Protein backbone atom coordinates (compact mmCIF):
# COMPACT_ATOMS: atom_id res chain seq x y z
CA MET A 1 40.67 38.65 34.48
CA LEU A 2 42.83 35.96 33.05
CA ARG A 3 45.62 37.52 31.15
CA PRO A 4 43.65 39.19 28.35
CA TYR A 5 46.71 41.07 27.25
CA PRO A 6 50.44 40.59 27.33
CA ARG A 7 52.00 41.05 30.77
CA SER A 8 53.81 44.14 29.65
CA LEU A 9 50.55 45.91 28.76
CA ALA A 10 48.39 45.05 31.76
CA ALA A 11 48.40 47.52 34.65
CA PRO A 12 48.35 46.38 38.34
CA ALA A 13 44.80 45.77 39.32
CA SER A 14 43.40 48.76 41.11
CA ASP A 15 40.32 47.03 42.52
CA LEU A 16 42.01 44.25 44.61
CA SER A 17 43.53 46.06 47.59
CA LYS A 18 40.59 45.28 49.96
CA HIS A 19 39.05 42.33 48.09
CA TRP A 20 38.71 39.05 50.09
CA ALA A 21 40.33 37.05 47.37
CA LYS A 22 43.31 39.32 46.76
CA ASP A 23 45.86 36.84 48.18
CA GLN A 24 44.72 34.00 45.90
CA ILE A 25 44.50 36.31 42.87
CA GLY A 26 48.04 37.42 43.79
CA ALA A 27 49.20 33.81 43.84
CA TRP A 28 47.64 33.22 40.44
CA THR A 29 49.27 36.29 38.96
CA ALA A 30 52.66 35.32 40.43
CA LEU A 31 52.27 31.95 38.63
CA ASP A 32 51.41 33.88 35.41
CA LEU A 33 47.88 32.20 35.39
CA ALA A 34 45.88 35.41 35.69
CA GLU A 35 46.24 39.17 35.12
CA GLY A 36 44.12 42.20 35.04
CA TYR A 37 42.60 44.26 32.25
CA LEU A 38 44.16 47.09 30.36
CA ASP A 39 42.06 49.60 32.35
CA GLY A 40 43.91 48.59 35.50
CA THR A 41 41.25 46.41 37.02
CA PHE A 42 40.87 42.73 37.72
CA LYS A 43 37.05 42.67 38.07
CA PRO A 44 37.18 40.07 40.98
CA ASP A 45 33.44 40.24 41.52
CA SER A 46 32.53 39.61 37.89
CA SER A 47 31.46 36.21 36.76
CA ILE A 48 34.16 34.23 35.00
CA THR A 49 33.33 33.56 31.40
CA ARG A 50 33.63 30.16 29.78
CA THR A 51 36.49 31.57 27.78
CA GLU A 52 38.37 32.79 30.87
CA PHE A 53 37.72 29.49 32.67
CA MET A 54 39.15 27.46 29.82
CA ALA A 55 42.14 29.71 29.50
CA LEU A 56 42.82 29.15 33.19
CA VAL A 57 42.44 25.36 32.83
CA ASN A 58 44.71 25.43 29.72
CA ARG A 59 47.40 27.37 31.64
CA VAL A 60 47.23 25.21 34.79
CA PHE A 61 47.57 22.09 32.71
CA ASN A 62 49.90 23.58 30.19
CA TYR A 63 47.62 22.74 27.26
CA THR A 64 48.85 24.46 24.07
CA ALA A 65 47.16 22.59 21.17
CA LYS A 66 44.54 24.72 19.33
CA ALA A 67 41.25 23.37 17.96
CA GLU A 68 38.23 24.79 16.27
CA ILE A 69 35.38 24.84 18.81
CA ASN A 70 31.95 26.21 18.19
CA PHE A 71 29.61 26.81 21.04
CA LYS A 72 26.12 28.02 20.30
CA ASP A 73 26.08 30.32 23.36
CA VAL A 74 29.41 32.01 22.61
CA ALA A 75 29.49 34.89 20.04
CA ALA A 76 31.64 34.43 17.01
CA LEU A 77 35.28 34.98 17.87
CA GLY A 78 36.35 36.21 14.43
CA SER A 79 38.94 38.63 15.81
CA GLY A 80 40.16 36.17 18.46
CA LYS A 81 38.55 38.12 21.28
CA GLN A 82 35.35 37.66 23.22
CA GLY A 83 34.62 41.00 24.95
CA SER A 84 38.03 42.04 26.22
CA PHE A 85 39.46 38.58 26.44
CA LEU A 86 40.88 35.63 24.47
CA ASP A 87 43.98 35.98 22.44
CA GLY A 88 44.76 32.30 22.32
CA SER A 89 47.76 32.47 24.60
């Protein structure tokens, strides 16, 4: 949902054409705050993860500092990814 991969790799979201939030999602993607997944979807009806939410907050406020954070309810991020998201950018 929120730019899990570099812009050049993400396909246009195929599941937004009739979605009620397509205009807002389009505005976020135009501002480079959000993108779809490599499979060509955005998954607009999926719940946003804590990781995705914090990535959005970081992009909105242009936070770039990195810190070690350990949440008990978040799986180990050894590879830098949680599910299909979180590359630190």
